[in-house]
Amino acid sequence: MGIEDTFNDAVNKGKEFFEQNKDKIEEALKSDQAEDISDKVLDGAADLAKKVAPGSAEQIDGVRDNVDKAVGNE
């Protein structure tokens, strides 16, 4: 079995795992804990992006807010 076969096997197992646990995964992504963690990560990433591109704060905040809507429950 080559590297490509091993990779494809891992991807297929990941797909199977996701399909079997889709409801639990979606529930976890919409939890309070996911919201807290995602807020911290997104805030940190936005702060870093603002340091790199200080003139783009408004756009960075917009992207951060859009991503935040996809994870967590708020």
PDB file of N, CA and C in Angstrom:
ATOM      1  N   MET A   1       0.852  -1.167   0.000  1.00  0.00           N
ATOM      2  CA  MET A   1       0.000   0.000   0.000  1.00  0.00           C
ATOM      3  C   MET A   1       0.899   1.231   0.000  1.00  0.00           C
ATOM      4  N   GLY A   2       0.698   2.117  -0.978  1.00  0.00           N
ATOM      5  CA  GLY A   2       1.503   3.322  -1.087  1.00  0.00           C
ATOM      6  C   GLY A   2       0.940   4.456  -0.259  1.00  0.00           C
ATOM      7  N   ILE A   3       1.659   5.557  -0.291  1.00  0.00           N
ATOM      8  CA  ILE A   3       1.245   6.741   0.460  1.00  0.00           C
ATOM      9  C   ILE A   3      -0.116   7.234  -0.025  1.00  0.00           C
ATOM     10  N   GLU A   4      -0.321   7.220  -1.326  1.00  0.00           N
ATOM     11  CA  GLU A   4      -1.598   7.682  -1.877  1.00  0.00           C
ATOM     12  C   GLU A   4      -2.752   6.817  -1.394  1.00  0.00           C
ATOM     13  N   ASP A   5      -2.542   5.509  -1.372  1.00  0.00           N
ATOM     14  CA  ASP A   5      -3.582   4.601  -0.883  1.00  0.00           C
ATOM     15  C   ASP A   5      -3.865   4.839   0.600  1.00  0.00           C
ATOM     16  N   THR A   6      -2.820   5.057   1.370  1.00  0.00           N
ATOM     17  CA  THR A   6      -2.975   5.314   2.801  1.00  0.00           C
ATOM     18  C   THR A   6      -3.746   6.616   3.023  1.00  0.00           C
ATOM     19  N   PHE A   7      -3.392   7.640   2.253  1.00  0.00           N
ATOM     20  CA  PHE A   7      -4.079   8.923   2.354  1.00  0.00           C
ATOM     21  C   PHE A   7      -5.554   8.784   1.991  1.00  0.00           C
ATOM     22  N   ASN A   8      -5.822   8.117   0.864  1.00  0.00           N
ATOM     23  CA  ASN A   8      -7.212   7.926   0.436  1.00  0.00           C
ATOM     24  C   ASN A   8      -8.011   7.132   1.461  1.00  0.00           C
ATOM     25  N   ASP A   9      -7.375   6.135   2.058  1.00  0.00           N
ATOM     26  CA  ASP A   9      -8.038   5.341   3.085  1.00  0.00           C
ATOM     27  C   ASP A   9      -8.389   6.207   4.298  1.00  0.00           C
ATOM     28  N   ALA A  10      -7.455   7.069   4.696  1.00  0.00           N
ATOM     29  CA  ALA A  10      -7.703   7.954   5.835  1.00  0.00           C
ATOM     30  C   ALA A  10      -8.835   8.932   5.524  1.00  0.00           C
ATOM     31  N   VAL A  11      -8.852   9.477   4.316  1.00  0.00           N
ATOM     32  CA  VAL A  11      -9.920  10.402   3.915  1.00  0.00           C
ATOM     33  C   VAL A  11     -11.260   9.685   3.932  1.00  0.00           C
ATOM     34  N   ASN A  12     -11.303   8.487   3.395  1.00  0.00           N
ATOM     35  CA  ASN A  12     -12.558   7.731   3.366  1.00  0.00           C
ATOM     36  C   ASN A  12     -13.044   7.403   4.775  1.00  0.00           C
ATOM     37  N   LYS A  13     -12.133   7.059   5.670  1.00  0.00           N
ATOM     38  CA  LYS A  13     -12.520   6.784   7.056  1.00  0.00           C
ATOM     39  C   LYS A  13     -13.041   8.054   7.719  1.00  0.00           C
ATOM     40  N   GLY A  14     -12.423   9.196   7.401  1.00  0.00           N
ATOM     41  CA  GLY A  14     -12.897  10.466   7.937  1.00  0.00           C
ATOM     42  C   GLY A  14     -14.292  10.787   7.452  1.00  0.00           C
ATOM     43  N   LYS A  15     -14.552  10.532   6.178  1.00  0.00           N
ATOM     44  CA  LYS A  15     -15.889  10.768   5.619  1.00  0.00           C
ATOM     45  C   LYS A  15     -16.915   9.872   6.295  1.00  0.00           C
ATOM     46  N   GLU A  16     -16.556   8.606   6.475  1.00  0.00           N
ATOM     47  CA  GLU A  16     -17.464   7.666   7.130  1.00  0.00           C
ATOM     48  C   GLU A  16     -17.759   8.107   8.559  1.00  0.00           C
ATOM     49  N   PHE A  17     -16.712   8.511   9.276  1.00  0.00           N
ATOM     50  CA  PHE A  17     -16.886   8.977  10.658  1.00  0.00           C
ATOM     51  C   PHE A  17     -17.823  10.180  10.697  1.00  0.00           C
ATOM     52  N   PHE A  18     -17.607  11.119   9.789  1.00  0.00           N
ATOM     53  CA  PHE A  18     -18.455  12.315   9.748  1.00  0.00           C
ATOM     54  C   PHE A  18     -19.908  11.936   9.489  1.00  0.00           C
ATOM     55  N   GLU A  19     -20.138  11.095   8.503  1.00  0.00           N
ATOM     56  CA  GLU A  19     -21.510  10.702   8.160  1.00  0.00           C
ATOM     57  C   GLU A  19     -22.185   9.986   9.320  1.00  0.00           C
ATOM     58  N   GLN A  20     -21.447   9.132  10.023  1.00  0.00           N
ATOM     59  CA  GLN A  20     -22.022   8.386  11.135  1.00  0.00           C
ATOM     60  C   GLN A  20     -22.300   9.273  12.344  1.00  0.00           C
ATOM     61  N   ASN A  21     -21.570  10.369  12.468  1.00  0.00           N
ATOM     62  CA  ASN A  21     -21.672  11.225  13.650  1.00  0.00           C
ATOM     63  C   ASN A  21     -22.074  12.656  13.312  1.00  0.00           C
ATOM     64  N   LYS A  22     -22.677  12.842  12.155  1.00  0.00           N
ATOM     65  CA  LYS A  22     -23.014  14.175  11.661  1.00  0.00           C
ATOM     66  C   LYS A  22     -23.836  14.971  12.677  1.00  0.00           C
ATOM     67  N   ASP A  23     -24.851  14.377  13.253  1.00  0.00           N
ATOM     68  CA  ASP A  23     -25.717  15.085  14.202  1.00  0.00           C
ATOM     69  C   ASP A  23     -24.943  15.521  15.445  1.00  0.00           C
ATOM     70  N   LYS A  24     -24.096  14.627  15.967  1.00  0.00           N
ATOM     71  CA  LYS A  24     -23.311  14.959  17.162  1.00  0.00           C
ATOM     72  C   LYS A  24     -22.297  16.056  16.856  1.00  0.00           C
ATOM     73  N   ILE A  25     -21.694  16.005  15.682  1.00  0.00           N
ATOM     74  CA  ILE A  25     -20.708  17.009  15.291  1.00  0.00           C
ATOM     75  C   ILE A  25     -21.380  18.371  15.148  1.00  0.00           C
ATOM     76  N   GLU A  26     -22.521  18.406  14.482  1.00  0.00           N
ATOM     77  CA  GLU A  26     -23.244  19.672  14.314  1.00  0.00           C
ATOM     78  C   GLU A  26     -23.686  20.225  15.660  1.00  0.00           C
ATOM     79  N   GLU A  27     -24.106  19.351  16.552  1.00  0.00           N
ATOM     80  CA  GLU A  27     -24.511  19.780  17.893  1.00  0.00           C
ATOM     81  C   GLU A  27     -23.316  20.372  18.649  1.00  0.00           C
ATOM     82  N   ALA A  28     -22.157  19.728  18.521  1.00  0.00           N
ATOM     83  CA  ALA A  28     -20.953  20.227  19.200  1.00  0.00           C
ATOM     84  C   ALA A  28     -20.528  21.583  18.651  1.00  0.00           C
ATOM     85  N   LEU A  29     -20.673  21.780  17.341  1.00  0.00           N
ATOM     86  CA  LEU A  29     -20.297  23.050  16.730  1.00  0.00           C
ATOM     87  C   LEU A  29     -21.217  24.189  17.158  1.00  0.00           C
ATOM     88  N   LYS A  30     -22.399  23.857  17.611  1.00  0.00           N
ATOM     89  CA  LYS A  30     -23.358  24.872  18.036  1.00  0.00           C
ATOM     90  C   LYS A  30     -23.440  24.993  19.553  1.00  0.00           C
ATOM     91  N   SER A  31     -22.465  24.468  20.266  1.00  0.00           N
ATOM     92  CA  SER A  31     -22.499  24.476  21.726  1.00  0.00           C
ATOM     93  C   SER A  31     -21.905  25.763  22.303  1.00  0.00           C
ATOM     94  N   ASP A  32     -22.169  25.991  23.589  1.00  0.00           N
ATOM     95  CA  ASP A  32     -21.595  27.140  24.292  1.00  0.00           C
ATOM     96  C   ASP A  32     -20.075  27.047  24.314  1.00  0.00           C
ATOM     97  N   GLN A  33     -19.557  25.848  24.522  1.00  0.00           N
ATOM     98  CA  GLN A  33     -18.108  25.657  24.576  1.00  0.00           C
ATOM     99  C   GLN A  33     -17.474  26.005  23.230  1.00  0.00           C
ATOM    100  N   ALA A  34     -18.084  25.571  22.131  1.00  0.00           N
ATOM    101  CA  ALA A  34     -17.561  25.899  20.802  1.00  0.00           C
ATOM    102  C   ALA A  34     -17.613  27.402  20.579  1.00  0.00           C
ATOM    103  N   GLU A  35     -18.651  28.050  21.064  1.00  0.00           N
ATOM    104  CA  GLU A  35     -18.771  29.503  20.929  1.00  0.00           C
ATOM    105  C   GLU A  35     -17.634  30.207  21.659  1.00  0.00           C
ATOM    106  N   ASP A  36     -17.363  29.802  22.888  1.00  0.00           N
ATOM    107  CA  ASP A  36     -16.289  30.426  23.670  1.00  0.00           C
ATOM    108  C   ASP A  36     -14.930  30.239  22.998  1.00  0.00           C
ATOM    109  N   ILE A  37     -14.659  29.027  22.568  1.00  0.00           N
ATOM    110  CA  ILE A  37     -13.369  28.730  21.933  1.00  0.00           C
ATOM    111  C   ILE A  37     -13.240  29.470  20.614  1.00  0.00           C
ATOM    112  N   SER A  38     -14.282  29.433  19.800  1.00  0.00           N
ATOM    113  CA  SER A  38     -14.204  30.095  18.499  1.00  0.00           C
ATOM    114  C   SER A  38     -14.047  31.601  18.656  1.00  0.00           C
ATOM    115  N   ASP A  39     -14.713  32.194  19.648  1.00  0.00           N
ATOM    116  CA  ASP A  39     -14.570  33.632  19.879  1.00  0.00           C
ATOM    117  C   ASP A  39     -13.118  33.983  20.201  1.00  0.00           C
ATOM    118  N   LYS A  40     -12.483  33.196  21.056  1.00  0.00           N
ATOM    119  CA  LYS A  40     -11.088  33.459  21.425  1.00  0.00           C
ATOM    120  C   LYS A  40     -10.157  33.311  20.223  1.00  0.00           C
ATOM    121  N   VAL A  41     -10.355  32.257  19.448  1.00  0.00           N
ATOM    122  CA  VAL A  41      -9.509  32.027  18.273  1.00  0.00           C
ATOM    123  C   VAL A  41      -9.722  33.126  17.236  1.00  0.00           C
ATOM    124  N   LEU A  42     -10.979  33.445  16.959  1.00  0.00           N
ATOM    125  CA  LEU A  42     -11.273  34.465  15.953  1.00  0.00           C
ATOM    126  C   LEU A  42     -10.795  35.847  16.392  1.00  0.00           C
ATOM    127  N   ASP A  43     -10.947  36.161  17.674  1.00  0.00           N
ATOM    128  CA  ASP A  43     -10.461  37.448  18.171  1.00  0.00           C
ATOM    129  C   ASP A  43      -8.944  37.546  18.020  1.00  0.00           C
ATOM    130  N   GLY A  44      -8.248  36.470  18.353  1.00  0.00           N
ATOM    131  CA  GLY A  44      -6.793  36.457  18.216  1.00  0.00           C
ATOM    132  C   GLY A  44      -6.353  36.593  16.766  1.00  0.00           C
ATOM    133  N   ALA A  45      -7.028  35.873  15.880  1.00  0.00           N
ATOM    134  CA  ALA A  45      -6.692  35.954  14.459  1.00  0.00           C
ATOM    135  C   ALA A  45      -6.987  37.348  13.905  1.00  0.00           C
ATOM    136  N   ALA A  46      -8.096  37.934  14.321  1.00  0.00           N
ATOM    137  CA  ALA A  46      -8.449  39.284  13.859  1.00  0.00           C
ATOM    138  C   ALA A  46      -7.445  40.306  14.368  1.00  0.00           C
ATOM    139  N   ASP A  47      -7.031  40.183  15.628  1.00  0.00           N
ATOM    140  CA  ASP A  47      -6.043  41.113  16.175  1.00  0.00           C
ATOM    141  C   ASP A  47      -4.718  41.010  15.422  1.00  0.00           C
ATOM    142  N   LEU A  48      -4.299  39.800  15.119  1.00  0.00           N
ATOM    143  CA  LEU A  48      -3.066  39.607  14.359  1.00  0.00           C
ATOM    144  C   LEU A  48      -3.196  40.205  12.966  1.00  0.00           C
ATOM    145  N   ALA A  49      -4.314  39.959  12.311  1.00  0.00           N
ATOM    146  CA  ALA A  49      -4.531  40.495  10.963  1.00  0.00           C
ATOM    147  C   ALA A  49      -4.525  42.022  10.975  1.00  0.00           C
ATOM    148  N   LYS A  50      -5.075  42.611  12.026  1.00  0.00           N
ATOM    149  CA  LYS A  50      -5.091  44.077  12.129  1.00  0.00           C
ATOM    150  C   LYS A  50      -3.686  44.647  12.310  1.00  0.00           C
ATOM    151  N   LYS A  51      -2.806  43.886  12.961  1.00  0.00           N
ATOM    152  CA  LYS A  51      -1.420  44.331  13.126  1.00  0.00           C
ATOM    153  C   LYS A  51      -0.674  44.251  11.801  1.00  0.00           C
ATOM    154  N   VAL A  52      -0.996  43.230  11.015  1.00  0.00           N
ATOM    155  CA  VAL A  52      -0.347  43.048   9.720  1.00  0.00           C
ATOM    156  C   VAL A  52      -0.888  44.041   8.698  1.00  0.00           C
ATOM    157  N   ALA A  53      -2.189  44.289   8.739  1.00  0.00           N
ATOM    158  CA  ALA A  53      -2.840  45.198   7.784  1.00  0.00           C
ATOM    159  C   ALA A  53      -3.700  46.204   8.546  1.00  0.00           C
ATOM    160  N   PRO A  54      -3.079  47.167   9.209  1.00  0.00           N
ATOM    161  CA  PRO A  54      -3.826  48.070  10.085  1.00  0.00           C
ATOM    162  C   PRO A  54      -4.908  48.892   9.391  1.00  0.00           C
ATOM    163  N   GLY A  55      -4.807  49.122   8.131  1.00  0.00           N
ATOM    164  CA  GLY A  55      -5.812  49.909   7.422  1.00  0.00           C
ATOM    165  C   GLY A  55      -7.048  49.125   7.033  1.00  0.00           C
ATOM    166  N   SER A  56      -7.087  47.846   7.361  1.00  0.00           N
ATOM    167  CA  SER A  56      -8.186  46.975   6.940  1.00  0.00           C
ATOM    168  C   SER A  56      -9.031  46.494   8.107  1.00  0.00           C
ATOM    169  N   ALA A  57      -9.027  47.213   9.205  1.00  0.00           N
ATOM    170  CA  ALA A  57      -9.723  46.758  10.419  1.00  0.00           C
ATOM    171  C   ALA A  57     -11.201  46.492  10.186  1.00  0.00           C
ATOM    172  N   GLU A  58     -11.858  47.352   9.435  1.00  0.00           N
ATOM    173  CA  GLU A  58     -13.299  47.178   9.208  1.00  0.00           C
ATOM    174  C   GLU A  58     -13.574  45.886   8.425  1.00  0.00           C
ATOM    175  N   GLN A  59     -12.802  45.645   7.395  1.00  0.00           N
ATOM    176  CA  GLN A  59     -12.994  44.419   6.605  1.00  0.00           C
ATOM    177  C   GLN A  59     -12.652  43.177   7.427  1.00  0.00           C
ATOM    178  N   ILE A  60     -11.601  43.272   8.233  1.00  0.00           N
ATOM    179  CA  ILE A  60     -11.199  42.145   9.083  1.00  0.00           C
ATOM    180  C   ILE A  60     -12.315  41.820  10.073  1.00  0.00           C
ATOM    181  N   ASP A  61     -12.883  42.851  10.681  1.00  0.00           N
ATOM    182  CA  ASP A  61     -13.990  42.627  11.620  1.00  0.00           C
ATOM    183  C   ASP A  61     -15.196  41.997  10.917  1.00  0.00           C
ATOM    184  N   GLY A  62     -15.457  42.394   9.688  1.00  0.00           N
ATOM    185  CA  GLY A  62     -16.568  41.814   8.927  1.00  0.00           C
ATOM    186  C   GLY A  62     -16.357  40.340   8.652  1.00  0.00           C
ATOM    187  N   VAL A  63     -15.143  39.988   8.257  1.00  0.00           N
ATOM    188  CA  VAL A  63     -14.822  38.578   8.010  1.00  0.00           C
ATOM    189  C   VAL A  63     -14.934  37.786   9.310  1.00  0.00           C
ATOM    190  N   ARG A  64     -14.396  38.345  10.396  1.00  0.00           N
ATOM    191  CA  ARG A  64     -14.448  37.674  11.691  1.00  0.00           C
ATOM    192  C   ARG A  64     -15.894  37.407  12.101  1.00  0.00           C
ATOM    193  N   ASP A  65     -16.754  38.389  11.918  1.00  0.00           N
ATOM    194  CA  ASP A  65     -18.166  38.238  12.285  1.00  0.00           C
ATOM    195  C   ASP A  65     -18.870  37.184  11.431  1.00  0.00           C
ATOM    196  N   ASN A  66     -18.561  37.147  10.151  1.00  0.00           N
ATOM    197  CA  ASN A  66     -19.174  36.146   9.270  1.00  0.00           C
ATOM    198  C   ASN A  66     -18.745  34.736   9.628  1.00  0.00           C
ATOM    199  N   VAL A  67     -17.476  34.565   9.938  1.00  0.00           N
ATOM    200  CA  VAL A  67     -16.991  33.235  10.349  1.00  0.00           C
ATOM    201  C   VAL A  67     -17.620  32.853  11.683  1.00  0.00           C
ATOM    202  N   ASP A  68     -17.739  33.810  12.584  1.00  0.00           N
ATOM    203  CA  ASP A  68     -18.304  33.534  13.905  1.00  0.00           C
ATOM    204  C   ASP A  68     -19.737  33.029  13.828  1.00  0.00           C
ATOM    205  N   LYS A  69     -20.487  33.495  12.848  1.00  0.00           N
ATOM    206  CA  LYS A  69     -21.870  33.042  12.687  1.00  0.00           C
ATOM    207  C   LYS A  69     -21.959  31.558  12.352  1.00  0.00           C
ATOM    208  N   ALA A  70     -20.895  31.005  11.763  1.00  0.00           N
ATOM    209  CA  ALA A  70     -20.919  29.603  11.344  1.00  0.00           C
ATOM    210  C   ALA A  70     -20.578  28.635  12.468  1.00  0.00           C
ATOM    211  N   VAL A  71     -19.972  29.141  13.544  1.00  0.00           N
ATOM    212  CA  VAL A  71     -19.542  28.264  14.645  1.00  0.00           C
ATOM    213  C   VAL A  71     -20.123  28.788  15.952  1.00  0.00           C
ATOM    214  N   GLY A  72     -20.559  27.885  16.774  1.00  0.00           N
ATOM    215  CA  GLY A  72     -21.102  28.262  18.069  1.00  0.00           C
ATOM    216  C   GLY A  72     -22.599  28.513  17.999  1.00  0.00           C
ATOM    217  N   ASN A  73     -23.103  29.117  19.042  1.00  0.00           N
ATOM    218  CA  ASN A  73     -24.549  29.301  19.136  1.00  0.00           C
ATOM    219  C   ASN A  73     -24.956  30.756  19.232  1.00  0.00           C
ATOM    220  N   GLU A  74     -24.056  31.671  18.987  1.00  0.00           N
ATOM    221  CA  GLU A  74     -24.391  33.099  19.001  1.00  0.00           C
ATOM    222  C   GLU A  74     -23.900  33.758  17.743  1.00  0.00           C
TER     223      GLU A  74
END
